[in-house]
């Protein structure tokens, strides 16, 4: 259950309204500051690419409000479920097979793989619970630059390019571990707080 916090709730309510109108918002996560748009809004997706200065061939993570939502968008086998149970919510993004028709093709770049993450910090959790849809969420930085770690840094980087910044700071200094679970053995494709050997141990347990 997400705890009530007047300031965070007020900011999350405003952010969710902006998201519903196609805006780009920034918010803290337990790793670094993130940028978010509604996952099924193509114009917002294009705006996010523009402000991030991000290559068109690099997909974004789908951030959902709880682990139960993962199965709405991905095909989950027993080994993958063990990884989810062990590490999510948390500082991990899993690459899994997308459930056909659950997300627009541009989200996966016309592949059958999607990255999914469930955050733990209160700001992100409240926002996701208020938002009408899951969010596409990259780190808050220009492509190739160091991610912002607090709301002031986000404002310095993006200024008026984005529509709203939730107040706060990230709880870590590095982005989440990204692990590919679509193969016979998990493979970390971006190192982060959770090491590959721990994921493989759970996968094989």
C-alpha atoms as a PDB file:
ATOM      1  CA  UNK A   1       0.000   0.000   0.000  1.00  0.00           C
ATOM      2  CA  UNK A   2       1.322   3.461  -0.911  1.00  0.00           C
ATOM      3  CA  UNK A   3       1.510   5.847   2.056  1.00  0.00           C
ATOM      4  CA  UNK A   4      -0.197   9.231   1.911  1.00  0.00           C
ATOM      5  CA  UNK A   5       2.069  12.271   1.676  1.00  0.00           C
ATOM      6  CA  UNK A   6       0.315  15.614   0.991  1.00  0.00           C
ATOM      7  CA  UNK A   7       3.089  17.262  -1.047  1.00  0.00           C
ATOM      8  CA  UNK A   8       3.946  14.168  -3.066  1.00  0.00           C
ATOM      9  CA  UNK A   9       0.272  13.378  -3.656  1.00  0.00           C
ATOM     10  CA  UNK A  10      -0.432  16.910  -4.878  1.00  0.00           C
ATOM     11  CA  UNK A  11       2.578  16.878  -7.224  1.00  0.00           C
ATOM     12  CA  UNK A  12       1.748  13.374  -8.480  1.00  0.00           C
ATOM     13  CA  UNK A  13      -1.850  14.407  -9.179  1.00  0.00           C
ATOM     14  CA  UNK A  14      -0.645  17.352 -11.269  1.00  0.00           C
ATOM     15  CA  UNK A  15       1.944  15.197 -13.022  1.00  0.00           C
ATOM     16  CA  UNK A  16      -0.627  12.529 -13.881  1.00  0.00           C
ATOM     17  CA  UNK A  17      -2.937  15.176 -15.359  1.00  0.00           C
ATOM     18  CA  UNK A  18      -0.065  16.485 -17.498  1.00  0.00           C
ATOM     19  CA  UNK A  19       0.756  12.945 -18.624  1.00  0.00           C
ATOM     20  CA  UNK A  20      -2.848  12.401 -19.695  1.00  0.00           C
ATOM     21  CA  UNK A  21      -2.543  15.454 -21.950  1.00  0.00           C
ATOM     22  CA  UNK A  22       0.631  14.248 -23.663  1.00  0.00           C
ATOM     23  CA  UNK A  23       3.191  15.923 -21.436  1.00  0.00           C
ATOM     24  CA  UNK A  24       6.665  14.872 -20.316  1.00  0.00           C
ATOM     25  CA  UNK A  25       7.285  14.811 -16.563  1.00  0.00           C
ATOM     26  CA  UNK A  26      10.339  14.131 -14.413  1.00  0.00           C
ATOM     27  CA  UNK A  27      10.262  12.302 -11.091  1.00  0.00           C
ATOM     28  CA  UNK A  28      12.604  10.573  -8.634  1.00  0.00           C
ATOM     29  CA  UNK A  29      13.159   6.825  -8.677  1.00  0.00           C
ATOM     30  CA  UNK A  30      15.204   4.647  -6.339  1.00  0.00           C
ATOM     31  CA  UNK A  31      18.081   4.783  -8.837  1.00  0.00           C
ATOM     32  CA  UNK A  32      18.237   8.090 -10.770  1.00  0.00           C
ATOM     33  CA  UNK A  33      15.739  10.769 -11.830  1.00  0.00           C
ATOM     34  CA  UNK A  34      13.444   9.569 -14.608  1.00  0.00           C
ATOM     35  CA  UNK A  35      11.468  11.141 -17.435  1.00  0.00           C
ATOM     36  CA  UNK A  36       8.041   9.742 -18.174  1.00  0.00           C
ATOM     37  CA  UNK A  37       5.293   9.768 -20.789  1.00  0.00           C
ATOM     38  CA  UNK A  38       2.166   7.663 -21.206  1.00  0.00           C
ATOM     39  CA  UNK A  39       3.149   4.460 -22.990  1.00  0.00           C
ATOM     40  CA  UNK A  40       0.408   4.617 -25.622  1.00  0.00           C
ATOM     41  CA  UNK A  41       0.759   8.274 -26.659  1.00  0.00           C
ATOM     42  CA  UNK A  42       2.815   8.496 -29.855  1.00  0.00           C
ATOM     43  CA  UNK A  43       3.106  12.293 -29.817  1.00  0.00           C
ATOM     44  CA  UNK A  44       4.397  12.224 -26.246  1.00  0.00           C
ATOM     45  CA  UNK A  45       6.851   9.485 -27.237  1.00  0.00           C
ATOM     46  CA  UNK A  46       8.162  11.624 -30.091  1.00  0.00           C
ATOM     47  CA  UNK A  47       8.489  14.607 -27.748  1.00  0.00           C
ATOM     48  CA  UNK A  48      10.446  12.474 -25.290  1.00  0.00           C
ATOM     49  CA  UNK A  49      12.856  11.433 -28.051  1.00  0.00           C
ATOM     50  CA  UNK A  50      13.337  15.076 -28.966  1.00  0.00           C
ATOM     51  CA  UNK A  51      14.063  16.367 -25.465  1.00  0.00           C
ATOM     52  CA  UNK A  52      16.326  13.397 -24.716  1.00  0.00           C
ATOM     53  CA  UNK A  53      18.123  13.795 -28.080  1.00  0.00           C
ATOM     54  CA  UNK A  54      17.868  10.025 -28.170  1.00  0.00           C
ATOM     55  CA  UNK A  55      18.521   7.754 -31.180  1.00  0.00           C
ATOM     56  CA  UNK A  56      15.277   6.481 -32.695  1.00  0.00           C
ATOM     57  CA  UNK A  57      16.449   2.847 -32.510  1.00  0.00           C
ATOM     58  CA  UNK A  58      16.808   2.778 -28.704  1.00  0.00           C
ATOM     59  CA  UNK A  59      13.602   1.665 -26.904  1.00  0.00           C
ATOM     60  CA  UNK A  60      12.343   2.881 -23.541  1.00  0.00           C
ATOM     61  CA  UNK A  61      11.501   0.915 -20.409  1.00  0.00           C
ATOM     62  CA  UNK A  62       7.854   0.313 -19.533  1.00  0.00           C
ATOM     63  CA  UNK A  63       7.359   1.247 -15.873  1.00  0.00           C
ATOM     64  CA  UNK A  64       4.336  -0.322 -14.175  1.00  0.00           C
ATOM     65  CA  UNK A  65       2.857   0.231 -10.716  1.00  0.00           C
ATOM     66  CA  UNK A  66       3.200  -3.310  -9.347  1.00  0.00           C
ATOM     67  CA  UNK A  67       4.475  -6.783 -10.218  1.00  0.00           C
ATOM     68  CA  UNK A  68       0.950  -8.031 -10.939  1.00  0.00           C
ATOM     69  CA  UNK A  69       0.759  -5.693 -13.927  1.00  0.00           C
ATOM     70  CA  UNK A  70       3.793  -7.253 -15.613  1.00  0.00           C
ATOM     71  CA  UNK A  71       1.789 -10.210 -16.935  1.00  0.00           C
ATOM     72  CA  UNK A  72      -0.560  -7.809 -18.761  1.00  0.00           C
ATOM     73  CA  UNK A  73       2.271  -6.823 -21.063  1.00  0.00           C
ATOM     74  CA  UNK A  74       4.732  -9.726 -21.039  1.00  0.00           C
ATOM     75  CA  UNK A  75       4.863 -13.501 -21.346  1.00  0.00           C
ATOM     76  CA  UNK A  76       6.158 -14.814 -18.010  1.00  0.00           C
ATOM     77  CA  UNK A  77       7.522 -18.343 -17.509  1.00  0.00           C
ATOM     78  CA  UNK A  78       8.467 -19.961 -14.191  1.00  0.00           C
ATOM     79  CA  UNK A  79      12.122 -18.919 -14.222  1.00  0.00           C
ATOM     80  CA  UNK A  80      11.230 -15.318 -15.072  1.00  0.00           C
ATOM     81  CA  UNK A  81       8.651 -15.325 -12.277  1.00  0.00           C
ATOM     82  CA  UNK A  82      11.349 -16.373  -9.814  1.00  0.00           C
ATOM     83  CA  UNK A  83      13.454 -13.354 -10.842  1.00  0.00           C
ATOM     84  CA  UNK A  84      10.416 -11.074 -10.496  1.00  0.00           C
ATOM     85  CA  UNK A  85       9.636 -12.468  -7.041  1.00  0.00           C
ATOM     86  CA  UNK A  86      13.230 -12.047  -5.871  1.00  0.00           C
ATOM     87  CA  UNK A  87      14.108  -8.603  -7.187  1.00  0.00           C
ATOM     88  CA  UNK A  88      10.946  -6.666  -8.039  1.00  0.00           C
ATOM     89  CA  UNK A  89       9.948  -4.048  -7.130  1.00  0.00           C
ATOM     90  CA  UNK A  90      13.551  -2.884  -7.205  1.00  0.00           C
ATOM     91  CA  UNK A  91      16.520  -1.573  -9.126  1.00  0.00           C
ATOM     92  CA  UNK A  92      16.158  -3.970 -12.044  1.00  0.00           C
ATOM     93  CA  UNK A  93      14.717  -3.826 -15.559  1.00  0.00           C
ATOM     94  CA  UNK A  94      13.843  -7.160 -17.141  1.00  0.00           C
ATOM     95  CA  UNK A  95      13.822  -7.749 -20.893  1.00  0.00           C
ATOM     96  CA  UNK A  96      11.019 -10.205 -21.640  1.00  0.00           C
ATOM     97  CA  UNK A  97       8.808 -11.358 -24.527  1.00  0.00           C
ATOM     98  CA  UNK A  98       5.987  -8.893 -25.063  1.00  0.00           C
ATOM     99  CA  UNK A  99       2.396 -10.119 -25.017  1.00  0.00           C
ATOM    100  CA  UNK A 100       1.015  -9.599 -28.516  1.00  0.00           C
ATOM    101  CA  UNK A 101      -1.166  -6.530 -28.869  1.00  0.00           C
ATOM    102  CA  UNK A 102      -0.501  -5.245 -25.348  1.00  0.00           C
ATOM    103  CA  UNK A 103       1.678  -2.281 -26.352  1.00  0.00           C
ATOM    104  CA  UNK A 104       2.020  -0.185 -29.527  1.00  0.00           C
ATOM    105  CA  UNK A 105       4.622  -1.441 -32.005  1.00  0.00           C
ATOM    106  CA  UNK A 106       6.698   1.739 -31.680  1.00  0.00           C
ATOM    107  CA  UNK A 107       7.318   0.961 -27.997  1.00  0.00           C
ATOM    108  CA  UNK A 108       9.191  -2.240 -28.858  1.00  0.00           C
ATOM    109  CA  UNK A 109      10.521  -0.964 -32.202  1.00  0.00           C
ATOM    110  CA  UNK A 110       8.560  -3.748 -33.909  1.00  0.00           C
ATOM    111  CA  UNK A 111      10.350  -6.469 -31.950  1.00  0.00           C
ATOM    112  CA  UNK A 112       8.871  -9.048 -29.564  1.00  0.00           C
ATOM    113  CA  UNK A 113      10.901  -7.836 -26.560  1.00  0.00           C
ATOM    114  CA  UNK A 114      10.079  -5.212 -23.954  1.00  0.00           C
ATOM    115  CA  UNK A 115      11.890  -3.876 -20.895  1.00  0.00           C
ATOM    116  CA  UNK A 116       9.757  -3.670 -17.742  1.00  0.00           C
ATOM    117  CA  UNK A 117      10.491  -2.123 -14.368  1.00  0.00           C
ATOM    118  CA  UNK A 118       8.634  -1.667 -11.056  1.00  0.00           C
ATOM    119  CA  UNK A 119      10.065   1.087  -8.819  1.00  0.00           C
ATOM    120  CA  UNK A 120      10.154   1.108  -5.012  1.00  0.00           C
ATOM    121  CA  UNK A 121      10.380   4.773  -4.032  1.00  0.00           C
ATOM    122  CA  UNK A 122       7.270   6.593  -2.870  1.00  0.00           C
ATOM    123  CA  UNK A 123       7.248   9.369  -5.501  1.00  0.00           C
ATOM    124  CA  UNK A 124       7.296   6.968  -8.449  1.00  0.00           C
ATOM    125  CA  UNK A 125       4.811   4.589  -6.837  1.00  0.00           C
ATOM    126  CA  UNK A 126       2.275   7.310  -6.094  1.00  0.00           C
ATOM    127  CA  UNK A 127       2.618   8.734  -9.601  1.00  0.00           C
ATOM    128  CA  UNK A 128       2.131   5.328 -11.234  1.00  0.00           C
ATOM    129  CA  UNK A 129      -0.924   4.650  -9.093  1.00  0.00           C
ATOM    130  CA  UNK A 130      -2.452   7.989 -10.095  1.00  0.00           C
ATOM    131  CA  UNK A 131      -1.558   7.775 -13.782  1.00  0.00           C
ATOM    132  CA  UNK A 132      -4.147   6.133 -16.000  1.00  0.00           C
ATOM    133  CA  UNK A 133      -1.550   4.116 -17.901  1.00  0.00           C
ATOM    134  CA  UNK A 134       1.968   2.691 -17.421  1.00  0.00           C
ATOM    135  CA  UNK A 135       4.793   5.010 -18.379  1.00  0.00           C
ATOM    136  CA  UNK A 136       7.727   4.871 -20.762  1.00  0.00           C
ATOM    137  CA  UNK A 137      10.637   5.943 -18.573  1.00  0.00           C
ATOM    138  CA  UNK A 138      14.271   6.613 -19.446  1.00  0.00           C
ATOM    139  CA  UNK A 139      16.748   8.312 -17.115  1.00  0.00           C
ATOM    140  CA  UNK A 140      16.557  12.114 -16.938  1.00  0.00           C
ATOM    141  CA  UNK A 141      19.497  13.197 -19.064  1.00  0.00           C
ATOM    142  CA  UNK A 142      20.427  14.149 -22.579  1.00  0.00           C
ATOM    143  CA  UNK A 143      21.525  11.073 -24.522  1.00  0.00           C
ATOM    144  CA  UNK A 144      25.103  10.181 -23.609  1.00  0.00           C
ATOM    145  CA  UNK A 145      25.212  12.427 -20.531  1.00  0.00           C
ATOM    146  CA  UNK A 146      25.170  11.593 -16.827  1.00  0.00           C
ATOM    147  CA  UNK A 147      21.658  11.093 -15.376  1.00  0.00           C
ATOM    148  CA  UNK A 148      20.260  13.791 -13.086  1.00  0.00           C
ATOM    149  CA  UNK A 149      20.042  12.816  -9.415  1.00  0.00           C
ATOM    150  CA  UNK A 150      17.611  15.458  -8.126  1.00  0.00           C
ATOM    151  CA  UNK A 151      14.891  17.806  -9.336  1.00  0.00           C
ATOM    152  CA  UNK A 152      17.206  20.824  -9.455  1.00  0.00           C
ATOM    153  CA  UNK A 153      19.594  19.010 -11.806  1.00  0.00           C
ATOM    154  CA  UNK A 154      16.673  18.065 -14.055  1.00  0.00           C
ATOM    155  CA  UNK A 155      15.612  21.714 -14.313  1.00  0.00           C
ATOM    156  CA  UNK A 156      19.178  22.748 -15.148  1.00  0.00           C
ATOM    157  CA  UNK A 157      19.381  20.188 -17.961  1.00  0.00           C
ATOM    158  CA  UNK A 158      15.914  20.530 -19.502  1.00  0.00           C
ATOM    159  CA  UNK A 159      14.551  23.912 -18.460  1.00  0.00           C
ATOM    160  CA  UNK A 160      11.237  24.506 -20.273  1.00  0.00           C
ATOM    161  CA  UNK A 161      11.677  21.510 -22.600  1.00  0.00           C
ATOM    162  CA  UNK A 162       9.664  19.283 -20.271  1.00  0.00           C
ATOM    163  CA  UNK A 163       6.304  20.013 -18.686  1.00  0.00           C
ATOM    164  CA  UNK A 164       6.701  19.262 -14.981  1.00  0.00           C
ATOM    165  CA  UNK A 165       9.312  18.163 -12.435  1.00  0.00           C
ATOM    166  CA  UNK A 166       8.322  16.430  -9.212  1.00  0.00           C
ATOM    167  CA  UNK A 167      10.370  17.656  -6.262  1.00  0.00           C
ATOM    168  CA  UNK A 168      12.878  15.253  -4.762  1.00  0.00           C
ATOM    169  CA  UNK A 169      16.072  13.330  -5.276  1.00  0.00           C
ATOM    170  CA  UNK A 170      16.942   9.876  -6.505  1.00  0.00           C
ATOM    171  CA  UNK A 171      17.861   7.255  -3.948  1.00  0.00           C
ATOM    172  CA  UNK A 172      20.908   5.918  -5.835  1.00  0.00           C
ATOM    173  CA  UNK A 173      23.545   7.072  -8.265  1.00  0.00           C
ATOM    174  CA  UNK A 174      23.376   4.528 -11.081  1.00  0.00           C
ATOM    175  CA  UNK A 175      20.499   3.352 -13.331  1.00  0.00           C
ATOM    176  CA  UNK A 176      18.855  -0.020 -12.783  1.00  0.00           C
ATOM    177  CA  UNK A 177      20.416  -3.297 -13.811  1.00  0.00           C
ATOM    178  CA  UNK A 178      19.034  -4.328 -17.213  1.00  0.00           C
ATOM    179  CA  UNK A 179      18.925  -8.093 -17.676  1.00  0.00           C
ATOM    180  CA  UNK A 180      17.836 -10.036 -20.750  1.00  0.00           C
ATOM    181  CA  UNK A 181      15.582 -12.933 -19.708  1.00  0.00           C
ATOM    182  CA  UNK A 182      14.643 -14.009 -23.222  1.00  0.00           C
ATOM    183  CA  UNK A 183      17.500 -16.513 -23.559  1.00  0.00           C
ATOM    184  CA  UNK A 184      18.326 -19.807 -21.831  1.00  0.00           C
ATOM    185  CA  UNK A 185      20.514 -17.970 -19.313  1.00  0.00           C
ATOM    186  CA  UNK A 186      20.035 -14.391 -18.030  1.00  0.00           C
ATOM    187  CA  UNK A 187      22.470 -11.868 -19.450  1.00  0.00           C
ATOM    188  CA  UNK A 188      23.038  -8.418 -17.957  1.00  0.00           C
ATOM    189  CA  UNK A 189      23.145  -5.865 -20.770  1.00  0.00           C
ATOM    190  CA  UNK A 190      23.617  -2.844 -18.496  1.00  0.00           C
ATOM    191  CA  UNK A 191      25.327  -3.326 -15.117  1.00  0.00           C
ATOM    192  CA  UNK A 192      23.597  -1.815 -12.116  1.00  0.00           C
ATOM    193  CA  UNK A 193      22.926  -2.406  -8.429  1.00  0.00           C
ATOM    194  CA  UNK A 194      21.968  -6.099  -8.852  1.00  0.00           C
ATOM    195  CA  UNK A 195      24.811  -8.339 -10.109  1.00  0.00           C
ATOM    196  CA  UNK A 196      24.352 -10.912 -12.840  1.00  0.00           C
ATOM    197  CA  UNK A 197      25.464 -13.834 -10.667  1.00  0.00           C
ATOM    198  CA  UNK A 198      22.638 -13.205  -8.181  1.00  0.00           C
ATOM    199  CA  UNK A 199      20.065 -13.152 -10.977  1.00  0.00           C
ATOM    200  CA  UNK A 200      21.411 -16.374 -12.504  1.00  0.00           C
ATOM    201  CA  UNK A 201      21.333 -18.077  -9.090  1.00  0.00           C
ATOM    202  CA  UNK A 202      17.648 -17.250  -8.668  1.00  0.00           C
ATOM    203  CA  UNK A 203      16.904 -18.177 -12.300  1.00  0.00           C
ATOM    204  CA  UNK A 204      18.390 -21.663 -11.810  1.00  0.00           C
ATOM    205  CA  UNK A 205      16.999 -22.273  -8.326  1.00  0.00           C
END
